[in-house]
PDB file of all heavy atoms in Angstrom:
ATOM      1  N   MET A   1     -20.501-191.462  28.352  1.00  0.00           N
ATOM      2  CA  MET A   1     -19.563-190.512  28.963  1.00  0.00           C
ATOM      3  C   MET A   1     -18.114-191.007  28.937  1.00  0.00           C
ATOM      4  O   MET A   1     -17.228-190.345  29.455  1.00  0.00           O
ATOM      5  CB  MET A   1     -19.965-190.221  30.411  1.00  0.00           C
ATOM      6  CG  MET A   1     -21.283-189.513  30.551  1.00  0.00           C
ATOM      7  SD  MET A   1     -21.154-187.776  30.104  1.00  0.00           S
ATOM      8  CE  MET A   1     -22.791-187.235  30.518  1.00  0.00           C
ATOM      9  N   LYS A   2     -17.874-192.184  28.351  1.00  0.00           N
ATOM     10  CA  LYS A   2     -16.496-192.706  28.256  1.00  0.00           C
ATOM     11  C   LYS A   2     -15.933-192.360  26.898  1.00  0.00           C
ATOM     12  O   LYS A   2     -16.474-192.764  25.864  1.00  0.00           O
ATOM     13  CB  LYS A   2     -16.465-194.211  28.503  1.00  0.00           C
ATOM     14  CG  LYS A   2     -16.754-194.563  29.944  1.00  0.00           C
ATOM     15  CD  LYS A   2     -16.303-195.953  30.261  1.00  0.00           C
ATOM     16  CE  LYS A   2     -16.381-196.158  31.771  1.00  0.00           C
ATOM     17  NZ  LYS A   2     -15.607-197.292  32.188  1.00  0.00           N
ATOM     18  N   LEU A   3     -14.822-191.625  26.892  1.00  0.00           N
ATOM     19  CA  LEU A   3     -14.250-191.090  25.657  1.00  0.00           C
ATOM     20  C   LEU A   3     -12.881-191.688  25.362  1.00  0.00           C
ATOM     21  O   LEU A   3     -12.141-192.052  26.283  1.00  0.00           O
ATOM     22  CB  LEU A   3     -14.118-189.572  25.769  1.00  0.00           C
ATOM     23  CG  LEU A   3     -15.376-188.818  26.204  1.00  0.00           C
ATOM     24  CD1 LEU A   3     -15.060-187.348  26.421  1.00  0.00           C
ATOM     25  CD2 LEU A   3     -16.488-188.989  25.200  1.00  0.00           C
ATOM     26  N   THR A   4     -12.541-191.735  24.069  1.00  0.00           N
ATOM     27  CA  THR A   4     -11.241-192.261  23.642  1.00  0.00           C
ATOM     28  C   THR A   4     -10.790-191.584  22.355  1.00  0.00           C
ATOM     29  O   THR A   4     -11.575-190.902  21.707  1.00  0.00           O
ATOM     30  CB  THR A   4     -11.312-193.784  23.438  1.00  0.00           C
ATOM     31  OG1 THR A   4      -9.996-194.260  23.143  1.00  0.00           O
ATOM     32  CG2 THR A   4     -12.251-194.175  22.311  1.00  0.00           C
ATOM     33  N   ASP A   5      -9.551-191.814  21.994  1.00  0.00           N
ATOM     34  CA  ASP A   5      -8.977-191.362  20.729  1.00  0.00           C
ATOM     35  C   ASP A   5      -9.148-189.852  20.521  1.00  0.00           C
ATOM     36  O   ASP A   5      -9.540-189.393  19.466  1.00  0.00           O
ATOM     37  CB  ASP A   5      -9.603-192.147  19.565  1.00  0.00           C
ATOM     38  CG  ASP A   5      -8.775-192.036  18.290  1.00  0.00           C
ATOM     39  OD1 ASP A   5      -7.564-191.746  18.397  1.00  0.00           O
ATOM     40  OD2 ASP A   5      -9.337-192.213  17.201  1.00  0.00           O
ATOM     41  N   VAL A   6      -8.835-189.091  21.572  1.00  0.00           N
ATOM     42  CA  VAL A   6      -8.995-187.637  21.519  1.00  0.00           C
ATOM     43  C   VAL A   6      -7.781-186.985  20.863  1.00  0.00           C
ATOM     44  O   VAL A   6      -6.743-187.624  20.681  1.00  0.00           O
ATOM     45  CB  VAL A   6      -9.205-187.042  22.940  1.00  0.00           C
ATOM     46  CG1 VAL A   6     -10.427-187.648  23.598  1.00  0.00           C
ATOM     47  CG2 VAL A   6      -7.977-187.228  23.810  1.00  0.00           C
ATOM     48  N   GLY A   7      -7.930-185.736  20.513  1.00  0.00           N
ATOM     49  CA  GLY A   7      -6.827-184.963  19.956  1.00  0.00           C
ATOM     50  C   GLY A   7      -6.591-183.723  20.808  1.00  0.00           C
ATOM     51  O   GLY A   7      -7.437-183.346  21.615  1.00  0.00           O
ATOM     52  N   ILE A   8      -5.449-183.100  20.614  1.00  0.00           N
ATOM     53  CA  ILE A   8      -5.146-181.841  21.302  1.00  0.00           C
ATOM     54  C   ILE A   8      -4.531-180.881  20.300  1.00  0.00           C
ATOM     55  O   ILE A   8      -3.635-181.246  19.540  1.00  0.00           O
ATOM     56  CB  ILE A   8      -4.187-182.057  22.494  1.00  0.00           C
ATOM     57  CG1 ILE A   8      -4.912-182.793  23.626  1.00  0.00           C
ATOM     58  CG2 ILE A   8      -3.630-180.730  22.999  1.00  0.00           C
ATOM     59  CD1 ILE A   8      -4.104-182.993  24.886  1.00  0.00           C
ATOM     60  N   ALA A   9      -5.051-179.658  20.304  1.00  0.00           N
ATOM     61  CA  ALA A   9      -4.475-178.586  19.487  1.00  0.00           C
ATOM     62  C   ALA A   9      -3.873-177.560  20.440  1.00  0.00           C
ATOM     63  O   ALA A   9      -4.456-177.250  21.475  1.00  0.00           O
ATOM     64  CB  ALA A   9      -5.558-177.932  18.635  1.00  0.00           C
ATOM     65  N   THR A  10      -2.685-177.059  20.094  1.00  0.00           N
ATOM     66  CA  THR A  10      -2.051-176.026  20.911  1.00  0.00           C
ATOM     67  C   THR A  10      -1.851-174.779  20.067  1.00  0.00           C
ATOM     68  O   THR A  10      -1.553-174.868  18.875  1.00  0.00           O
ATOM     69  CB  THR A  10      -0.680-176.486  21.454  1.00  0.00           C
ATOM     70  OG1 THR A  10       0.139-176.876  20.362  1.00  0.00           O
ATOM     71  CG2 THR A  10      -0.820-177.632  22.424  1.00  0.00           C
ATOM     72  N   LEU A  11      -2.046-173.617  20.705  1.00  0.00           N
ATOM     73  CA  LEU A  11      -1.915-172.348  19.994  1.00  0.00           C
ATOM     74  C   LEU A  11      -0.462-172.091  19.616  1.00  0.00           C
ATOM     75  O   LEU A  11      -0.153-171.665  18.525  1.00  0.00           O
ATOM     76  CB  LEU A  11      -2.461-171.207  20.866  1.00  0.00           C
ATOM     77  CG  LEU A  11      -2.635-169.866  20.179  1.00  0.00           C
ATOM     78  CD1 LEU A  11      -3.617-169.961  19.032  1.00  0.00           C
ATOM     79  CD2 LEU A  11      -3.124-168.828  21.174  1.00  0.00           C
ATOM     80  N   ALA A  12       0.442-172.369  20.564  1.00  0.00           N
ATOM     81  CA  ALA A  12       1.875-172.170  20.312  1.00  0.00           C
ATOM     82  C   ALA A  12       2.560-173.527  20.360  1.00  0.00           C
ATOM     83  O   ALA A  12       2.223-174.367  21.190  1.00  0.00           O
ATOM     84  CB  ALA A  12       2.458-171.250  21.377  1.00  0.00           C
ATOM     85  N   LYS A  13       3.521-173.730  19.471  1.00  0.00           N
ATOM     86  CA  LYS A  13       4.277-174.990  19.499  1.00  0.00           C
ATOM     87  C   LYS A  13       4.989-175.099  20.837  1.00  0.00           C
ATOM     88  O   LYS A  13       5.592-174.149  21.295  1.00  0.00           O
ATOM     89  CB  LYS A  13       5.291-175.029  18.366  1.00  0.00           C
ATOM     90  CG  LYS A  13       4.685-175.396  17.051  1.00  0.00           C
ATOM     91  CD  LYS A  13       5.764-175.618  16.010  1.00  0.00           C
ATOM     92  CE  LYS A  13       5.115-176.084  14.719  1.00  0.00           C
ATOM     93  NZ  LYS A  13       6.107-176.336  13.691  1.00  0.00           N
ATOM     94  N   GLY A  14       4.888-176.272  21.430  1.00  0.00           N
ATOM     95  CA  GLY A  14       5.592-176.500  22.682  1.00  0.00           C
ATOM     96  C   GLY A  14       4.944-175.834  23.882  1.00  0.00           C
ATOM     97  O   GLY A  14       5.605-175.570  24.874  1.00  0.00           O
ATOM     98  N   TYR A  15       3.626-175.550  23.836  1.00  0.00           N
ATOM     99  CA  TYR A  15       2.939-174.957  24.990  1.00  0.00           C
ATOM    100  C   TYR A  15       3.140-175.864  26.202  1.00  0.00           C
ATOM    101  O   TYR A  15       2.787-177.041  26.167  1.00  0.00           O
ATOM    102  CB  TYR A  15       1.445-174.776  24.687  1.00  0.00           C
ATOM    103  CG  TYR A  15       0.623-174.397  25.890  1.00  0.00           C
ATOM    104  CD1 TYR A  15       0.700-173.121  26.441  1.00  0.00           C
ATOM    105  CD2 TYR A  15      -0.223-175.316  26.502  1.00  0.00           C
ATOM    106  CE1 TYR A  15      -0.041-172.770  27.549  1.00  0.00           C
ATOM    107  CE2 TYR A  15      -0.974-174.972  27.609  1.00  0.00           C
ATOM    108  CZ  TYR A  15      -0.876-173.699  28.128  1.00  0.00           C
ATOM    109  OH  TYR A  15      -1.616-173.363  29.244  1.00  0.00           O
ATOM    110  N   LYS A  16       3.771-175.336  27.244  1.00  0.00           N
ATOM    111  CA  LYS A  16       4.109-176.082  28.468  1.00  0.00           C
ATOM    112  C   LYS A  16       4.827-177.387  28.130  1.00  0.00           C
ATOM    113  O   LYS A  16       4.620-178.419  28.747  1.00  0.00           O
ATOM    114  CB  LYS A  16       2.857-176.347  29.302  1.00  0.00           C
ATOM    115  CG  LYS A  16       2.284-175.090  29.923  1.00  0.00           C
ATOM    116  CD  LYS A  16       1.294-175.414  30.996  1.00  0.00           C
ATOM    117  CE  LYS A  16       0.853-174.133  31.678  1.00  0.00           C
ATOM    118  NZ  LYS A  16      -0.084-174.348  32.745  1.00  0.00           N
ATOM    119  N   GLY A  17       5.646-177.350  27.082  1.00  0.00           N
ATOM    120  CA  GLY A  17       6.414-178.527  26.690  1.00  0.00           C
ATOM    121  C   GLY A  17       5.600-179.563  25.933  1.00  0.00           C
ATOM    122  O   GLY A  17       6.074-180.652  25.668  1.00  0.00           O
ATOM    123  N   PHE A  18       4.366-179.216  25.562  1.00  0.00           N
ATOM    124  CA  PHE A  18       3.483-180.191  24.933  1.00  0.00           C
ATOM    125  C   PHE A  18       3.334-179.930  23.440  1.00  0.00           C
ATOM    126  O   PHE A  18       3.071-178.813  23.025  1.00  0.00           O
ATOM    127  CB  PHE A  18       2.102-180.134  25.596  1.00  0.00           C
ATOM    128  CG  PHE A  18       1.158-181.167  25.056  1.00  0.00           C
ATOM    129  CD1 PHE A  18       1.289-182.488  25.424  1.00  0.00           C
ATOM    130  CD2 PHE A  18       0.164-180.818  24.174  1.00  0.00           C
ATOM    131  CE1 PHE A  18       0.441-183.447  24.905  1.00  0.00           C
ATOM    132  CE2 PHE A  18      -0.695-181.767  23.657  1.00  0.00           C
ATOM    133  CZ  PHE A  18      -0.556-183.087  24.035  1.00  0.00           C
ATOM    134  N   LYS A  19       3.508-180.967  22.645  1.00  0.00           N
ATOM    135  CA  LYS A  19       3.260-180.878  21.209  1.00  0.00           C
ATOM    136  C   LYS A  19       1.874-181.447  20.955  1.00  0.00           C
ATOM    137  O   LYS A  19       1.605-182.592  21.276  1.00  0.00           O
ATOM    138  CB  LYS A  19       4.259-181.755  20.440  1.00  0.00           C
ATOM    139  CG  LYS A  19       5.539-181.069  20.097  1.00  0.00           C
ATOM    140  CD  LYS A  19       6.367-181.840  19.096  1.00  0.00           C
ATOM    141  CE  LYS A  19       6.249-183.348  19.180  1.00  0.00           C
ATOM    142  NZ  LYS A  19       7.206-184.073  18.378  1.00  0.00           N
ATOM    143  N   GLY A  20       0.989-180.652  20.381  1.00  0.00           N
ATOM    144  CA  GLY A  20      -0.335-181.155  20.049  1.00  0.00           C
ATOM    145  C   GLY A  20      -0.278-182.016  18.800  1.00  0.00           C
ATOM    146  O   GLY A  20       0.723-182.051  18.104  1.00  0.00           O
ATOM    147  N   ASN A  21      -1.374-182.712  18.515  1.00  0.00           N
ATOM    148  CA  ASN A  21      -1.427-183.535  17.310  1.00  0.00           C
ATOM    149  C   ASN A  21      -2.514-183.054  16.349  1.00  0.00           C
ATOM    150  O   ASN A  21      -2.873-183.743  15.419  1.00  0.00           O
ATOM    151  CB  ASN A  21      -1.641-185.011  17.665  1.00  0.00           C
ATOM    152  CG  ASN A  21      -2.991-185.266  18.320  1.00  0.00           C
ATOM    153  OD1 ASN A  21      -3.619-184.358  18.868  1.00  0.00           O
ATOM    154  ND2 ASN A  21      -3.435-186.501  18.298  1.00  0.00           N
ATOM    155  N   CYS A  22      -3.049-181.845  16.600  1.00  0.00           N
ATOM    156  CA  CYS A  22      -4.091-181.280  15.749  1.00  0.00           C
ATOM    157  C   CYS A  22      -3.703-179.867  15.340  1.00  0.00           C
ATOM    158  O   CYS A  22      -2.947-179.193  16.028  1.00  0.00           O
ATOM    159  CB  CYS A  22      -5.430-181.234  16.490  1.00  0.00           C
ATOM    160  SG  CYS A  22      -6.079-182.861  16.878  1.00  0.00           S
ATOM    161  N   SER A  23      -4.285-179.416  14.255  1.00  0.00           N
ATOM    162  CA  SER A  23      -3.986-178.090  13.722  1.00  0.00           C
ATOM    163  C   SER A  23      -4.476-176.979  14.650  1.00  0.00           C
ATOM    164  O   SER A  23      -5.515-177.106  15.296  1.00  0.00           O
ATOM    165  CB  SER A  23      -4.672-177.940  12.362  1.00  0.00           C
ATOM    166  OG  SER A  23      -4.676-176.600  11.952  1.00  0.00           O
ATOM    167  N   VAL A  24      -3.731-175.877  14.684  1.00  0.00           N
ATOM    168  CA  VAL A  24      -4.118-174.711  15.474  1.00  0.00           C
ATOM    169  C   VAL A  24      -5.442-174.137  14.973  1.00  0.00           C
ATOM    170  O   VAL A  24      -6.165-173.484  15.719  1.00  0.00           O
ATOM    171  CB  VAL A  24      -2.987-173.650  15.470  1.00  0.00           C
ATOM    172  CG1 VAL A  24      -2.875-172.985  14.108  1.00  0.00           C
ATOM    173  CG2 VAL A  24      -3.204-172.605  16.536  1.00  0.00           C
ATOM    174  N   SER A  25      -5.809-174.419  13.720  1.00  0.00           N
ATOM    175  CA  SER A  25      -7.079-173.916  13.175  1.00  0.00           C
ATOM    176  C   SER A  25      -8.279-174.465  13.933  1.00  0.00           C
ATOM    177  O   SER A  25      -9.349-173.866  13.940  1.00  0.00           O
ATOM    178  CB  SER A  25      -7.201-174.248  11.690  1.00  0.00           C
ATOM    179  OG  SER A  25      -7.282-175.649  11.510  1.00  0.00           O
ATOM    180  N   PHE A  26      -8.116-175.612  14.615  1.00  0.00           N
ATOM    181  CA  PHE A  26      -9.211-176.173  15.416  1.00  0.00           C
ATOM    182  C   PHE A  26      -9.567-175.222  16.556  1.00  0.00           C
ATOM    183  O   PHE A  26     -10.721-175.110  16.936  1.00  0.00           O
ATOM    184  CB  PHE A  26      -8.832-177.530  16.002  1.00  0.00           C
ATOM    185  CG  PHE A  26      -8.645-178.624  14.985  1.00  0.00           C
ATOM    186  CD1 PHE A  26      -8.259-179.878  15.385  1.00  0.00           C
ATOM    187  CD2 PHE A  26      -8.834-178.408  13.631  1.00  0.00           C
ATOM    188  CE1 PHE A  26      -8.078-180.904  14.465  1.00  0.00           C
ATOM    189  CE2 PHE A  26      -8.661-179.411  12.698  1.00  0.00           C
ATOM    190  CZ  PHE A  26      -8.282-180.672  13.125  1.00  0.00           C
ATOM    191  N   ILE A  27      -8.551-174.546  17.107  1.00  0.00           N
ATOM    192  CA  ILE A  27      -8.797-173.604  18.201  1.00  0.00           C
ATOM    193  C   ILE A  27      -9.597-172.416  17.680  1.00  0.00           C
ATOM    194  O   ILE A  27     -10.584-172.008  18.291  1.00  0.00           O
ATOM    195  CB  ILE A  27      -7.467-173.143  18.844  1.00  0.00           C
ATOM    196  CG1 ILE A  27      -6.780-174.332  19.522  1.00  0.00           C
ATOM    197  CG2 ILE A  27      -7.711-172.007  19.837  1.00  0.00           C
ATOM    198  CD1 ILE A  27      -5.423-174.031  20.122  1.00  0.00           C
ATOM    199  N   GLU A  28      -9.194-171.886  16.543  1.00  0.00           N
ATOM    200  CA  GLU A  28      -9.903-170.752  15.935  1.00  0.00           C
ATOM    201  C   GLU A  28     -11.335-171.144  15.599  1.00  0.00           C
ATOM    202  O   GLU A  28     -12.274-170.395  15.855  1.00  0.00           O
ATOM    203  CB  GLU A  28      -9.150-170.300  14.667  1.00  0.00           C
ATOM    204  CG  GLU A  28      -9.687-169.035  14.060  1.00  0.00           C
ATOM    205  CD  GLU A  28      -9.615-167.823  14.977  1.00  0.00           C
ATOM    206  OE1 GLU A  28      -8.632-167.675  15.731  1.00  0.00           O
ATOM    207  OE2 GLU A  28     -10.574-167.027  14.947  1.00  0.00           O
ATOM    208  N   GLN A  29     -11.504-172.336  15.043  1.00  0.00           N
ATOM    209  CA  GLN A  29     -12.837-172.829  14.691  1.00  0.00           C
ATOM    210  C   GLN A  29     -13.696-172.968  15.938  1.00  0.00           C
ATOM    211  O   GLN A  29     -14.853-172.568  15.948  1.00  0.00           O
ATOM    212  CB  GLN A  29     -12.717-174.172  13.987  1.00  0.00           C
ATOM    213  CG  GLN A  29     -14.061-174.827  13.687  1.00  0.00           C
ATOM    214  CD  GLN A  29     -13.890-176.238  13.170  1.00  0.00           C
ATOM    215  OE1 GLN A  29     -13.158-176.464  12.233  1.00  0.00           O
ATOM    216  NE2 GLN A  29     -14.557-177.181  13.789  1.00  0.00           N
ATOM    217  N   PHE A  30     -13.127-173.542  17.008  1.00  0.00           N
ATOM    218  CA  PHE A  30     -13.881-173.721  18.250  1.00  0.00           C
ATOM    219  C   PHE A  30     -14.316-172.368  18.804  1.00  0.00           C
ATOM    220  O   PHE A  30     -15.461-172.180  19.190  1.00  0.00           O
ATOM    221  CB  PHE A  30     -13.045-174.479  19.290  1.00  0.00           C
ATOM    222  CG  PHE A  30     -13.746-174.611  20.612  1.00  0.00           C
ATOM    223  CD1 PHE A  30     -14.772-175.535  20.772  1.00  0.00           C
ATOM    224  CD2 PHE A  30     -13.399-173.805  21.682  1.00  0.00           C
ATOM    225  CE1 PHE A  30     -15.439-175.648  21.982  1.00  0.00           C
ATOM    226  CE2 PHE A  30     -14.061-173.917  22.895  1.00  0.00           C
ATOM    227  CZ  PHE A  30     -15.082-174.842  23.046  1.00  0.00           C
ATOM    228  N   ARG A  31     -13.398-171.430  18.838  1.00  0.00           N
ATOM    229  CA  ARG A  31     -13.700-170.101  19.379  1.00  0.00           C
ATOM    230  C   ARG A  31     -14.835-169.434  18.588  1.00  0.00           C
ATOM    231  O   ARG A  31     -15.689-168.777  19.154  1.00  0.00           O
ATOM    232  CB  ARG A  31     -12.445-169.230  19.364  1.00  0.00           C
ATOM    233  CG  ARG A  31     -12.612-167.928  20.107  1.00  0.00           C
ATOM    234  CD  ARG A  31     -11.326-167.192  20.290  1.00  0.00           C
ATOM    235  NE  ARG A  31     -10.608-167.026  19.042  1.00  0.00           N
ATOM    236  CZ  ARG A  31      -9.303-166.935  18.961  1.00  0.00           C
ATOM    237  NH1 ARG A  31      -8.563-167.010  20.037  1.00  0.00           N
ATOM    238  NH2 ARG A  31      -8.703-166.769  17.806  1.00  0.00           N
ATOM    239  N   ALA A  32     -14.851-169.636  17.283  1.00  0.00           N
ATOM    240  CA  ALA A  32     -15.879-169.008  16.439  1.00  0.00           C
ATOM    241  C   ALA A  32     -17.223-169.731  16.513  1.00  0.00           C
ATOM    242  O   ALA A  32     -18.265-169.086  16.428  1.00  0.00           O
ATOM    243  CB  ALA A  32     -15.398-168.967  14.999  1.00  0.00           C
ATOM    244  N   LEU A  33     -17.217-171.056  16.683  1.00  0.00           N
ATOM    245  CA  LEU A  33     -18.452-171.825  16.575  1.00  0.00           C
ATOM    246  C   LEU A  33     -19.057-172.289  17.896  1.00  0.00           C
ATOM    247  O   LEU A  33     -20.230-172.661  17.928  1.00  0.00           O
ATOM    248  CB  LEU A  33     -18.215-173.073  15.691  1.00  0.00           C
ATOM    249  CG  LEU A  33     -17.760-172.813  14.258  1.00  0.00           C
ATOM    250  CD1 LEU A  33     -17.521-174.132  13.543  1.00  0.00           C
ATOM    251  CD2 LEU A  33     -18.785-171.976  13.514  1.00  0.00           C
ATOM    252  N   HIS A  34     -18.293-172.281  18.972  1.00  0.00           N
ATOM    253  CA  HIS A  34     -18.821-172.814  20.241  1.00  0.00           C
ATOM    254  C   HIS A  34     -20.026-172.025  20.731  1.00  0.00           C
ATOM    255  O   HIS A  34     -19.997-170.797  20.764  1.00  0.00           O
ATOM    256  CB  HIS A  34     -17.736-172.796  21.321  1.00  0.00           C
ATOM    257  CG  HIS A  34     -18.248-173.199  22.669  1.00  0.00           C
ATOM    258  ND1 HIS A  34     -18.633-174.489  22.962  1.00  0.00           N
ATOM    259  CD2 HIS A  34     -18.461-172.471  23.799  1.00  0.00           C
ATOM    260  CE1 HIS A  34     -19.049-174.536  24.225  1.00  0.00           C
ATOM    261  NE2 HIS A  34     -18.951-173.330  24.740  1.00  0.00           N
ATOM    262  N   GLN A  35     -21.074-172.753  21.095  1.00  0.00           N
ATOM    263  CA  GLN A  35     -22.250-172.137  21.698  1.00  0.00           C
ATOM    264  C   GLN A  35     -22.337-172.634  23.128  1.00  0.00           C
ATOM    265  O   GLN A  35     -22.446-173.841  23.357  1.00  0.00           O
ATOM    266  CB  GLN A  35     -23.508-172.515  20.925  1.00  0.00           C
ATOM    267  CG  GLN A  35     -23.542-171.951  19.526  1.00  0.00           C
ATOM    268  CD  GLN A  35     -24.781-172.384  18.758  1.00  0.00           C
ATOM    269  OE1 GLN A  35     -25.605-173.150  19.242  1.00  0.00           O
ATOM    270  NE2 GLN A  35     -24.908-171.891  17.544  1.00  0.00           N
ATOM    271  N   CYS A  36     -22.287-171.712  24.071  1.00  0.00           N
ATOM    272  CA  CYS A  36     -22.365-172.106  25.477  1.00  0.00           C
ATOM    273  C   CYS A  36     -23.705-172.772  25.763  1.00  0.00           C
ATOM    274  O   CYS A  36     -24.708-172.465  25.138  1.00  0.00           O
ATOM    275  CB  CYS A  36     -22.178-170.891  26.381  1.00  0.00           C
ATOM    276  SG  CYS A  36     -20.477-170.309  26.427  1.00  0.00           S
ATOM    277  N   ASN A  37     -23.683-173.690  26.724  1.00  0.00           N
ATOM    278  CA  ASN A  37     -24.903-174.364  27.145  1.00  0.00           C
ATOM    279  C   ASN A  37     -25.035-174.222  28.663  1.00  0.00           C
ATOM    280  O   ASN A  37     -24.221-173.542  29.297  1.00  0.00           O
ATOM    281  CB  ASN A  37     -24.885-175.833  26.688  1.00  0.00           C
ATOM    282  CG  ASN A  37     -23.672-176.575  27.227  1.00  0.00           C
ATOM    283  OD1 ASN A  37     -23.382-176.567  28.421  1.00  0.00           O
ATOM    284  ND2 ASN A  37     -22.931-177.232  26.332  1.00  0.00           N
TER     285      ASN A  37
END
């Protein structure tokens, strides 16, 4: 349960002043592929 070296993708550049380090396509991919548990 201990995690490291994570990434963040943001839909809009500068969301709440935050610059993500991953492509916005990760959000689209997550939305399409996520299966609730």
